[in-house]
């Protein structure tokens, strides 16, 4: 099965990209396809229910990143970090 790590899963990944190796005495392809369709439908429903990012959310996220960069002690890659 093709899976790209770090990439958010979307319905088209299930519908288009999902592929399974065929094996003798393997799983029933109809059952696999039915299951993948159910998973894709559920992903689609969940994505539609997610609220869009608001300008307020983006301002809060940016403020948090600024705060973190000001309050995080820098350390070199060779150090063990804060102890």
C-alpha atoms as a PDB file:
ATOM      1  CA  UNK A   1       0.000   0.000   0.000  1.00  0.00           C
ATOM      2  CA  UNK A   2       1.352   3.440  -0.851  1.00  0.00           C
ATOM      3  CA  UNK A   3       1.620   5.746   2.153  1.00  0.00           C
ATOM      4  CA  UNK A   4       3.569   8.961   2.435  1.00  0.00           C
ATOM      5  CA  UNK A   5       4.548   9.599   6.030  1.00  0.00           C
ATOM      6  CA  UNK A   6       3.860  13.040   7.350  1.00  0.00           C
ATOM      7  CA  UNK A   7       1.171  13.670   4.780  1.00  0.00           C
ATOM      8  CA  UNK A   8      -2.344  14.246   6.062  1.00  0.00           C
ATOM      9  CA  UNK A   9      -4.726  11.508   4.959  1.00  0.00           C
ATOM     10  CA  UNK A  10      -7.521  12.632   2.641  1.00  0.00           C
ATOM     11  CA  UNK A  11     -10.370  10.696   1.021  1.00  0.00           C
ATOM     12  CA  UNK A  12      -8.657  10.655  -2.381  1.00  0.00           C
ATOM     13  CA  UNK A  13      -5.717   8.802  -0.783  1.00  0.00           C
ATOM     14  CA  UNK A  14      -8.077   5.972   0.020  1.00  0.00           C
ATOM     15  CA  UNK A  15     -10.032   6.077  -3.249  1.00  0.00           C
ATOM     16  CA  UNK A  16      -7.142   6.589  -5.652  1.00  0.00           C
ATOM     17  CA  UNK A  17      -3.825   5.729  -4.013  1.00  0.00           C
ATOM     18  CA  UNK A  18      -4.687   2.699  -1.901  1.00  0.00           C
ATOM     19  CA  UNK A  19      -3.269  -0.378  -3.558  1.00  0.00           C
ATOM     20  CA  UNK A  20      -2.708  -3.833  -2.173  1.00  0.00           C
ATOM     21  CA  UNK A  21      -0.474  -6.623  -3.355  1.00  0.00           C
ATOM     22  CA  UNK A  22      -2.334  -9.644  -4.639  1.00  0.00           C
ATOM     23  CA  UNK A  23      -1.484 -12.931  -3.052  1.00  0.00           C
ATOM     24  CA  UNK A  24      -2.716 -16.439  -3.469  1.00  0.00           C
ATOM     25  CA  UNK A  25      -5.474 -16.965  -0.923  1.00  0.00           C
ATOM     26  CA  UNK A  26      -5.420 -13.252  -0.214  1.00  0.00           C
ATOM     27  CA  UNK A  27      -8.231 -11.127   1.073  1.00  0.00           C
ATOM     28  CA  UNK A  28     -11.491 -10.654  -0.820  1.00  0.00           C
ATOM     29  CA  UNK A  29     -10.928  -7.614  -3.068  1.00  0.00           C
ATOM     30  CA  UNK A  30     -14.617  -6.674  -2.883  1.00  0.00           C
ATOM     31  CA  UNK A  31     -14.479  -6.548   0.912  1.00  0.00           C
ATOM     32  CA  UNK A  32     -11.286  -4.460   0.792  1.00  0.00           C
ATOM     33  CA  UNK A  33     -12.856  -2.026  -1.680  1.00  0.00           C
ATOM     34  CA  UNK A  34     -16.048  -1.765   0.380  1.00  0.00           C
ATOM     35  CA  UNK A  35     -14.014  -1.055   3.507  1.00  0.00           C
ATOM     36  CA  UNK A  36     -11.847   1.536   1.744  1.00  0.00           C
ATOM     37  CA  UNK A  37     -14.974   3.273   0.472  1.00  0.00           C
ATOM     38  CA  UNK A  38     -16.356   3.431   4.016  1.00  0.00           C
ATOM     39  CA  UNK A  39     -13.061   4.859   5.297  1.00  0.00           C
ATOM     40  CA  UNK A  40     -12.953   7.454   2.511  1.00  0.00           C
ATOM     41  CA  UNK A  41     -16.556   8.474   3.178  1.00  0.00           C
ATOM     42  CA  UNK A  42     -15.813   8.886   6.878  1.00  0.00           C
ATOM     43  CA  UNK A  43     -12.703  10.969   6.127  1.00  0.00           C
ATOM     44  CA  UNK A  44     -14.736  13.141   3.792  1.00  0.00           C
ATOM     45  CA  UNK A  45     -17.396  13.677   6.474  1.00  0.00           C
ATOM     46  CA  UNK A  46     -14.780  14.559   9.088  1.00  0.00           C
ATOM     47  CA  UNK A  47     -12.989  17.006   6.779  1.00  0.00           C
ATOM     48  CA  UNK A  48     -16.295  18.747   6.035  1.00  0.00           C
ATOM     49  CA  UNK A  49     -17.038  19.047   9.779  1.00  0.00           C
ATOM     50  CA  UNK A  50     -13.679  20.644  10.589  1.00  0.00           C
ATOM     51  CA  UNK A  51     -14.048  24.368  11.080  1.00  0.00           C
ATOM     52  CA  UNK A  52     -11.939  26.462   8.728  1.00  0.00           C
ATOM     53  CA  UNK A  53      -8.980  28.314  10.168  1.00  0.00           C
ATOM     54  CA  UNK A  54     -10.065  31.740  11.236  1.00  0.00           C
ATOM     55  CA  UNK A  55      -7.968  34.896  11.271  1.00  0.00           C
ATOM     56  CA  UNK A  56      -8.206  34.785  15.075  1.00  0.00           C
ATOM     57  CA  UNK A  57      -6.789  31.246  15.110  1.00  0.00           C
ATOM     58  CA  UNK A  58      -3.892  32.320  12.880  1.00  0.00           C
ATOM     59  CA  UNK A  59      -3.130  35.328  15.132  1.00  0.00           C
ATOM     60  CA  UNK A  60      -3.084  33.090  18.215  1.00  0.00           C
ATOM     61  CA  UNK A  61      -0.864  30.528  16.484  1.00  0.00           C
ATOM     62  CA  UNK A  62       1.570  33.222  15.380  1.00  0.00           C
ATOM     63  CA  UNK A  63       1.626  34.768  18.885  1.00  0.00           C
ATOM     64  CA  UNK A  64       2.349  31.344  20.381  1.00  0.00           C
ATOM     65  CA  UNK A  65       5.239  30.778  17.980  1.00  0.00           C
ATOM     66  CA  UNK A  66       6.682  34.198  18.808  1.00  0.00           C
ATOM     67  CA  UNK A  67       6.374  33.510  22.538  1.00  0.00           C
ATOM     68  CA  UNK A  68       8.017  30.107  22.115  1.00  0.00           C
ATOM     69  CA  UNK A  69      10.921  31.554  20.142  1.00  0.00           C
ATOM     70  CA  UNK A  70      11.499  34.233  22.808  1.00  0.00           C
ATOM     71  CA  UNK A  71      11.249  31.822  25.757  1.00  0.00           C
ATOM     72  CA  UNK A  72      13.023  28.768  24.416  1.00  0.00           C
ATOM     73  CA  UNK A  73      16.698  28.599  25.321  1.00  0.00           C
ATOM     74  CA  UNK A  74      18.796  27.871  22.242  1.00  0.00           C
ATOM     75  CA  UNK A  75      21.117  24.903  22.435  1.00  0.00           C
ATOM     76  CA  UNK A  76      23.654  23.486  20.078  1.00  0.00           C
ATOM     77  CA  UNK A  77      23.001  20.168  18.302  1.00  0.00           C
ATOM     78  CA  UNK A  78      25.869  18.624  20.292  1.00  0.00           C
ATOM     79  CA  UNK A  79      24.446  19.556  23.672  1.00  0.00           C
ATOM     80  CA  UNK A  80      21.911  17.482  25.522  1.00  0.00           C
ATOM     81  CA  UNK A  81      19.541  20.389  25.815  1.00  0.00           C
ATOM     82  CA  UNK A  82      18.066  21.770  29.054  1.00  0.00           C
ATOM     83  CA  UNK A  83      18.591  19.540  32.065  1.00  0.00           C
END
